[in-house]
N, C-alpha and C. Protein backbone atom coordinates (compact mmCIF):
# COMPACT_ATOMS: atom_id res chain seq x y z
N MET A 1 -23.46 -7.01 -15.22
CA MET A 1 -22.89 -7.36 -15.97
C MET A 1 -21.21 -7.29 -15.22
N ILE A 2 -20.45 -8.52 -15.39
CA ILE A 2 -19.31 -8.47 -14.83
C ILE A 2 -18.29 -8.19 -15.48
N ALA A 3 -17.58 -6.94 -15.14
CA ALA A 3 -16.52 -6.46 -16.35
C ALA A 3 -15.02 -6.25 -15.81
N ARG A 4 -14.22 -5.25 -15.93
CA ARG A 4 -12.86 -5.09 -15.35
C ARG A 4 -12.80 -3.46 -15.58
N LEU A 5 -11.92 -3.07 -14.55
CA LEU A 5 -11.56 -1.84 -14.78
C LEU A 5 -10.87 -1.84 -13.64
N GLY A 6 -9.72 -1.13 -14.20
CA GLY A 6 -8.32 -0.65 -13.83
C GLY A 6 -8.05 -2.95 -13.27
N ASP A 7 -7.51 -2.34 -11.76
CA ASP A 7 -6.78 -3.81 -11.44
C ASP A 7 -8.53 -4.59 -11.03
N ARG A 8 -9.42 -4.19 -11.24
CA ARG A 8 -10.77 -4.80 -10.25
C ARG A 8 -11.33 -5.18 -11.08
N GLN A 9 -12.47 -6.03 -10.97
CA GLN A 9 -13.38 -7.07 -10.81
C GLN A 9 -14.68 -5.85 -10.47
N ILE A 10 -15.72 -5.80 -11.83
CA ILE A 10 -16.79 -4.58 -11.21
C ILE A 10 -17.93 -4.62 -11.86
N LEU A 11 -18.71 -4.92 -10.98
CA LEU A 11 -20.42 -5.00 -11.27
C LEU A 11 -21.30 -3.85 -11.83
N PHE A 12 -21.41 -3.98 -13.57
CA PHE A 12 -21.81 -2.96 -14.00
C PHE A 12 -23.24 -2.78 -14.23
N ASP A 13 -24.15 -2.10 -13.92
CA ASP A 13 -25.90 -1.90 -14.41
C ASP A 13 -25.98 -1.42 -15.74
N THR A 14 -26.36 -2.36 -16.78
CA THR A 14 -26.05 -2.27 -18.08
C THR A 14 -27.81 -1.00 -18.23
N ASP A 15 -28.90 -1.27 -17.65
CA ASP A 15 -29.71 0.11 -17.50
C ASP A 15 -29.48 1.01 -17.31
N GLN A 16 -28.67 1.08 -15.80
CA GLN A 16 -28.06 2.54 -15.55
C GLN A 16 -27.13 3.34 -16.16
N GLN A 17 -26.29 2.03 -16.45
CA GLN A 17 -24.82 2.62 -17.24
C GLN A 17 -23.55 3.12 -16.11
N LEU A 18 -23.85 2.28 -15.24
CA LEU A 18 -23.16 3.02 -13.44
C LEU A 18 -22.73 1.20 -13.05
N VAL A 19 -21.26 1.44 -12.58
CA VAL A 19 -20.64 0.62 -11.49
C VAL A 19 -21.40 0.62 -9.92
N ILE A 20 -22.00 -0.59 -10.31
CA ILE A 20 -22.55 -0.92 -9.16
C ILE A 20 -22.37 -1.15 -8.02
N GLY A 21 -20.66 -2.09 -7.64
CA GLY A 21 -19.99 -2.74 -7.22
C GLY A 21 -18.27 -3.31 -7.48
N THR A 22 -17.90 -3.96 -6.64
CA THR A 22 -17.07 -4.83 -6.78
C THR A 22 -17.03 -6.11 -6.27
N LEU A 23 -15.89 -6.88 -7.27
CA LEU A 23 -16.25 -8.36 -6.14
C LEU A 23 -14.58 -8.44 -5.90
N GLY A 24 -14.41 -8.85 -5.05
CA GLY A 24 -13.07 -9.50 -4.23
C GLY A 24 -12.38 -8.41 -4.72
N SER A 25 -10.96 -8.84 -4.62
CA SER A 25 -9.99 -7.13 -4.42
C SER A 25 -8.52 -8.38 -5.60
N PRO A 26 -7.59 -7.11 -5.91
CA PRO A 26 -6.56 -7.59 -7.06
C PRO A 26 -6.02 -9.03 -6.34
N GLU A 27 -5.48 -8.88 -5.25
CA GLU A 27 -5.13 -9.82 -4.23
C GLU A 27 -5.91 -11.63 -4.69
N ILE A 28 -7.06 -11.14 -4.22
CA ILE A 28 -8.40 -12.64 -4.80
C ILE A 28 -8.22 -12.93 -6.42
N PHE A 29 -8.44 -12.06 -7.77
CA PHE A 29 -8.53 -12.15 -8.31
C PHE A 29 -7.00 -11.79 -9.33
N PRO A 30 -5.88 -12.03 -9.14
CA PRO A 30 -4.55 -11.32 -9.55
C PRO A 30 -4.72 -11.84 -11.04
N ASP A 31 -3.95 -11.00 -11.66
CA ASP A 31 -4.35 -10.89 -13.42
C ASP A 31 -5.60 -11.28 -14.28
N HIS A 32 -6.86 -10.66 -13.70
CA HIS A 32 -7.91 -11.70 -14.88
C HIS A 32 -7.37 -10.40 -16.10
N GLU A 33 -7.34 -11.15 -16.84
CA GLU A 33 -6.82 -10.59 -18.29
C GLU A 33 -7.80 -11.58 -18.80
N GLY A 34 -7.95 -11.45 -20.03
CA GLY A 34 -8.80 -12.56 -21.28
C GLY A 34 -10.09 -12.64 -20.64
N ASP A 35 -10.75 -14.13 -20.56
CA ASP A 35 -12.15 -14.26 -20.32
C ASP A 35 -11.77 -14.45 -18.94
N ILE A 36 -13.11 -13.65 -18.83
CA ILE A 36 -13.88 -13.44 -16.91
C ILE A 36 -14.77 -14.14 -16.82
N ALA A 37 -14.62 -15.52 -16.04
CA ALA A 37 -15.45 -16.89 -16.36
C ALA A 37 -16.03 -17.39 -14.42
N LEU A 38 -16.98 -15.91 -14.64
CA LEU A 38 -17.33 -15.92 -13.73
C LEU A 38 -18.50 -17.01 -13.45
N SER A 39 -18.88 -18.23 -13.12
CA SER A 39 -20.30 -18.10 -13.16
C SER A 39 -20.41 -19.70 -12.70
N PRO A 40 -20.78 -19.71 -11.26
CA PRO A 40 -21.80 -18.64 -10.47
C PRO A 40 -20.83 -17.95 -9.70
N ASN A 41 -19.55 -18.66 -9.55
CA ASN A 41 -18.74 -17.68 -8.47
C ASN A 41 -17.18 -18.43 -8.74
N GLY A 42 -16.99 -18.36 -9.61
CA GLY A 42 -14.83 -18.85 -10.16
C GLY A 42 -14.57 -18.07 -10.40
N HIS A 43 -13.11 -18.25 -10.81
CA HIS A 43 -12.69 -17.00 -11.62
C HIS A 43 -11.10 -17.62 -12.52
N LYS A 44 -10.93 -18.11 -13.41
CA LYS A 44 -9.83 -18.80 -13.91
C LYS A 44 -8.80 -17.52 -14.05
N ASP A 45 -7.31 -17.96 -13.89
CA ASP A 45 -6.44 -17.34 -14.16
C ASP A 45 -5.07 -18.05 -15.03
N ARG A 46 -4.36 -17.53 -16.16
CA ARG A 46 -3.43 -18.37 -16.28
C ARG A 46 -1.75 -17.68 -16.14
N LYS A 47 -0.57 -18.90 -15.92
CA LYS A 47 0.37 -18.62 -14.97
C LYS A 47 1.42 -19.85 -16.20
N LYS A 48 1.94 -19.38 -16.73
CA LYS A 48 2.64 -20.36 -17.98
C LYS A 48 2.06 -21.01 -18.45
N LYS A 49 1.97 -22.67 -18.18
CA LYS A 49 0.83 -23.75 -19.28
C LYS A 49 0.64 -24.56 -17.69
N ALA A 50 -0.53 -23.70 -16.71
CA ALA A 50 -1.44 -23.94 -16.19
C ALA A 50 -2.72 -22.72 -15.49
N ASN A 51 -3.21 -23.56 -15.34
CA ASN A 51 -5.07 -22.74 -15.17
C ASN A 51 -4.70 -23.11 -13.46
N PHE A 52 -5.61 -21.93 -13.12
CA PHE A 52 -5.73 -21.31 -11.76
C PHE A 52 -7.08 -21.02 -11.68
N TYR A 53 -7.72 -21.77 -10.68
CA TYR A 53 -9.27 -20.95 -10.58
C TYR A 53 -9.52 -20.64 -9.18
N THR A 54 -9.94 -19.55 -9.20
CA THR A 54 -10.23 -18.98 -8.06
C THR A 54 -12.30 -18.73 -7.40
N ILE A 55 -12.20 -19.94 -6.90
CA ILE A 55 -13.26 -19.73 -6.20
C ILE A 55 -13.88 -19.10 -5.38
N TYR A 56 -14.52 -18.32 -5.50
CA TYR A 56 -15.12 -17.03 -4.59
C TYR A 56 -16.77 -17.10 -4.30
N GLN A 57 -16.99 -16.81 -2.90
CA GLN A 57 -18.63 -17.11 -2.56
C GLN A 57 -19.39 -15.35 -2.26
N ARG A 58 -19.49 -15.04 -3.29
CA ARG A 58 -20.02 -13.81 -3.58
C ARG A 58 -20.50 -13.12 -2.42
N LYS A 59 -21.36 -14.06 -1.51
CA LYS A 59 -22.65 -13.50 -0.25
C LYS A 59 -21.42 -13.13 0.72
N ASP A 60 -20.30 -13.73 1.03
CA ASP A 60 -19.96 -13.33 2.32
C ASP A 60 -18.12 -12.88 2.09
N GLY A 61 -17.61 -13.08 0.78
CA GLY A 61 -16.53 -12.91 0.25
C GLY A 61 -14.96 -14.08 0.72
N ALA A 62 -16.33 -15.22 0.59
CA ALA A 62 -14.73 -16.58 0.95
C ALA A 62 -14.60 -17.11 0.08
N HIS A 63 -13.39 -17.47 0.00
CA HIS A 63 -12.76 -18.31 -1.37
C HIS A 63 -11.13 -18.95 -1.10
N PHE A 64 -10.89 -19.12 -2.18
CA PHE A 64 -10.04 -20.10 -2.07
C PHE A 64 -9.45 -20.29 -3.88
N ARG A 65 -8.03 -20.52 -4.05
CA ARG A 65 -7.84 -20.97 -5.12
C ARG A 65 -7.22 -22.16 -4.86
N THR A 66 -7.18 -22.88 -6.40
CA THR A 66 -7.12 -24.26 -6.77
C THR A 66 -5.85 -24.42 -7.20
N ARG A 67 -5.05 -25.65 -7.33
CA ARG A 67 -3.97 -25.57 -7.53
C ARG A 67 -3.94 -25.83 -9.01
N GLY A 68 -2.50 -25.17 -10.01
CA GLY A 68 -2.54 -25.81 -11.13
C GLY A 68 -3.49 -26.35 -12.18
N PHE A 69 -4.04 -26.21 -13.16
CA PHE A 69 -3.99 -27.72 -13.81
C PHE A 69 -3.62 -27.09 -15.36
N ASN A 70 -2.58 -28.49 -15.17
CA ASN A 70 -1.86 -28.04 -16.63
C ASN A 70 -2.37 -28.02 -17.79
N ILE A 71 -2.28 -27.16 -18.74
CA ILE A 71 -2.84 -27.45 -20.12
C ILE A 71 -1.95 -27.23 -21.38
N ALA A 72 0.05 -27.50 -20.89
CA ALA A 72 0.63 -27.98 -21.65
C ALA A 72 1.33 -27.66 -22.81
N HIS A 73 0.88 -27.87 -24.15
CA HIS A 73 1.17 -27.30 -24.91
C HIS A 73 -0.03 -26.94 -26.25
N TRP A 74 -1.13 -26.87 -25.45
CA TRP A 74 -2.60 -26.74 -25.39
C TRP A 74 -3.33 -25.19 -25.81
N GLN A 75 -2.15 -24.26 -26.05
CA GLN A 75 -2.64 -23.58 -26.12
C GLN A 75 -2.94 -22.79 -26.64
N SER A 76 -2.71 -23.04 -28.13
CA SER A 76 -3.68 -21.84 -29.22
C SER A 76 -3.44 -23.26 -30.14
N GLY A 77 -3.98 -22.42 -31.44
CA GLY A 77 -3.79 -23.61 -32.60
C GLY A 77 -5.56 -24.48 -32.67
N ASP A 78 -5.48 -25.25 -33.68
CA ASP A 78 -7.20 -25.72 -33.83
C ASP A 78 -7.35 -26.57 -32.84
N LEU A 79 -6.59 -27.05 -31.86
CA LEU A 79 -7.21 -28.07 -31.01
C LEU A 79 -6.62 -27.28 -29.59
N ARG A 80 -7.05 -26.29 -29.04
CA ARG A 80 -6.29 -25.59 -27.83
C ARG A 80 -7.49 -25.50 -26.55
N GLN A 81 -6.54 -25.58 -25.61
CA GLN A 81 -7.81 -26.01 -24.18
C GLN A 81 -8.45 -24.66 -23.72
N ASP A 82 -9.76 -24.87 -24.13
CA ASP A 82 -10.59 -23.54 -23.80
C ASP A 82 -10.02 -23.71 -22.05
N PRO A 83 -10.02 -22.82 -21.44
CA PRO A 83 -9.54 -22.90 -20.13
C PRO A 83 -10.69 -22.38 -18.94
N THR A 84 -12.03 -22.07 -19.93
CA THR A 84 -13.28 -21.99 -18.92
C THR A 84 -13.99 -22.80 -18.49
N PRO A 85 -14.21 -22.80 -17.10
CA PRO A 85 -15.13 -23.97 -16.77
C PRO A 85 -15.92 -23.88 -16.52
N CYS A 86 -17.43 -25.51 -16.29
CA CYS A 86 -18.30 -25.22 -16.36
C CYS A 86 -18.90 -25.96 -14.96
N TRP A 87 -20.01 -25.03 -14.65
CA TRP A 87 -20.83 -25.69 -13.32
C TRP A 87 -22.15 -26.50 -13.36
N ASN A 88 -22.38 -26.98 -12.51
CA ASN A 88 -23.20 -27.72 -12.63
C ASN A 88 -24.47 -27.15 -11.92
N ARG A 89 -25.51 -27.45 -12.46
CA ARG A 89 -26.35 -26.28 -11.58
C ARG A 89 -26.58 -26.64 -10.09
N THR A 90 -26.26 -27.41 -9.88
CA THR A 90 -26.42 -27.11 -8.18
C THR A 90 -25.45 -26.65 -7.20
N SER A 91 -24.21 -25.79 -8.37
CA SER A 91 -23.14 -24.94 -7.61
C SER A 91 -22.07 -25.54 -6.96
N ASP A 92 -22.00 -27.55 -6.67
CA ASP A 92 -21.31 -27.84 -5.83
C ASP A 92 -19.89 -28.61 -6.35
N GLN A 93 -19.93 -28.72 -7.85
CA GLN A 93 -18.92 -29.29 -9.07
C GLN A 93 -18.86 -28.41 -10.20
N ILE A 94 -17.46 -28.47 -10.20
CA ILE A 94 -16.97 -28.04 -11.73
C ILE A 94 -16.36 -28.53 -12.54
N LEU A 95 -15.93 -28.86 -14.02
CA LEU A 95 -15.58 -29.76 -14.78
C LEU A 95 -14.33 -28.24 -15.25
N ALA A 96 -13.44 -28.77 -15.09
CA ALA A 96 -12.26 -28.23 -15.56
C ALA A 96 -11.18 -28.99 -16.52
N PRO A 97 -10.80 -28.74 -18.17
CA PRO A 97 -9.94 -29.23 -18.74
C PRO A 97 -8.87 -28.71 -18.50
N GLY A 98 -7.67 -30.34 -18.49
CA GLY A 98 -6.73 -30.26 -17.84
C GLY A 98 -6.06 -31.31 -19.00
N VAL A 99 -4.64 -31.37 -18.17
CA VAL A 99 -3.89 -32.36 -19.37
C VAL A 99 -3.46 -33.82 -18.22
N SER A 100 -3.51 -34.87 -18.81
CA SER A 100 -3.17 -35.78 -17.82
C SER A 100 -1.99 -35.80 -17.22
N LYS A 101 -1.59 -36.95 -16.28
CA LYS A 101 0.48 -36.54 -15.51
C LYS A 101 1.30 -37.11 -17.14
N ASP A 102 0.70 -37.47 -18.32
CA ASP A 102 1.71 -37.87 -19.09
C ASP A 102 2.02 -37.26 -20.05
N GLY A 103 1.10 -35.41 -20.11
CA GLY A 103 1.13 -34.51 -19.78
C GLY A 103 1.06 -34.51 -21.84
N LYS A 104 0.43 -35.19 -22.61
CA LYS A 104 0.18 -34.93 -23.80
C LYS A 104 -1.40 -35.02 -23.45
N THR A 105 -2.18 -35.94 -22.63
CA THR A 105 -3.43 -36.41 -23.52
C THR A 105 -4.54 -35.21 -22.37
N ARG A 106 -5.42 -34.67 -23.42
CA ARG A 106 -6.14 -33.63 -23.02
C ARG A 106 -7.02 -34.03 -22.37
N GLN A 107 -7.47 -33.96 -20.89
CA GLN A 107 -8.59 -34.69 -19.57
C GLN A 107 -9.49 -33.40 -19.54
N LEU A 108 -10.76 -34.43 -18.82
CA LEU A 108 -11.87 -33.28 -18.07
C LEU A 108 -11.70 -33.20 -16.46
N PHE A 109 -11.33 -32.66 -15.82
CA PHE A 109 -11.48 -32.82 -14.13
C PHE A 109 -12.61 -32.39 -13.13
N ILE A 110 -13.30 -33.21 -12.77
CA ILE A 110 -13.95 -32.47 -11.91
C ILE A 110 -13.97 -32.32 -10.49
N LEU A 111 -13.94 -30.87 -10.11
CA LEU A 111 -13.82 -30.74 -8.82
C LEU A 111 -15.52 -30.55 -7.90
N LYS A 112 -14.85 -31.01 -7.21
CA LYS A 112 -16.10 -31.51 -5.84
C LYS A 112 -16.21 -30.09 -4.90
N LEU A 113 -16.92 -29.73 -4.77
CA LEU A 113 -16.75 -28.06 -3.28
C LEU A 113 -17.90 -28.47 -2.09
N LYS A 114 -17.11 -28.79 -1.19
CA LYS A 114 -17.79 -29.08 -0.04
C LYS A 114 -19.14 -28.08 0.41
N GLN A 115 -19.95 -28.48 0.81
CA GLN A 115 -20.94 -27.12 1.14
C GLN A 115 -21.20 -26.47 2.81
């Protein structure tokens, strides 16, 4: 299981009830409150009215941070914007929610990752 312990993301073995490792660092995953969406290797965070994603490769720790995806006023209420990204089965594309350039229309954006 992936969880939070202090300022770190940890790997927790639920059978042994032990922390068995960590992911990244606080610099790679800043302010990782709320939903920790690491599936299979990405993490989101929110600054003001934008979502940012850190793409993290577990095998070697390589990572990069996306530019912000505008979420405008869709932060709460019945029609809020869920920030959790969705991965395709081959792990080379991410579907991320955001708002179009007009600042009003909710959109879905595809991030294509180069292997």
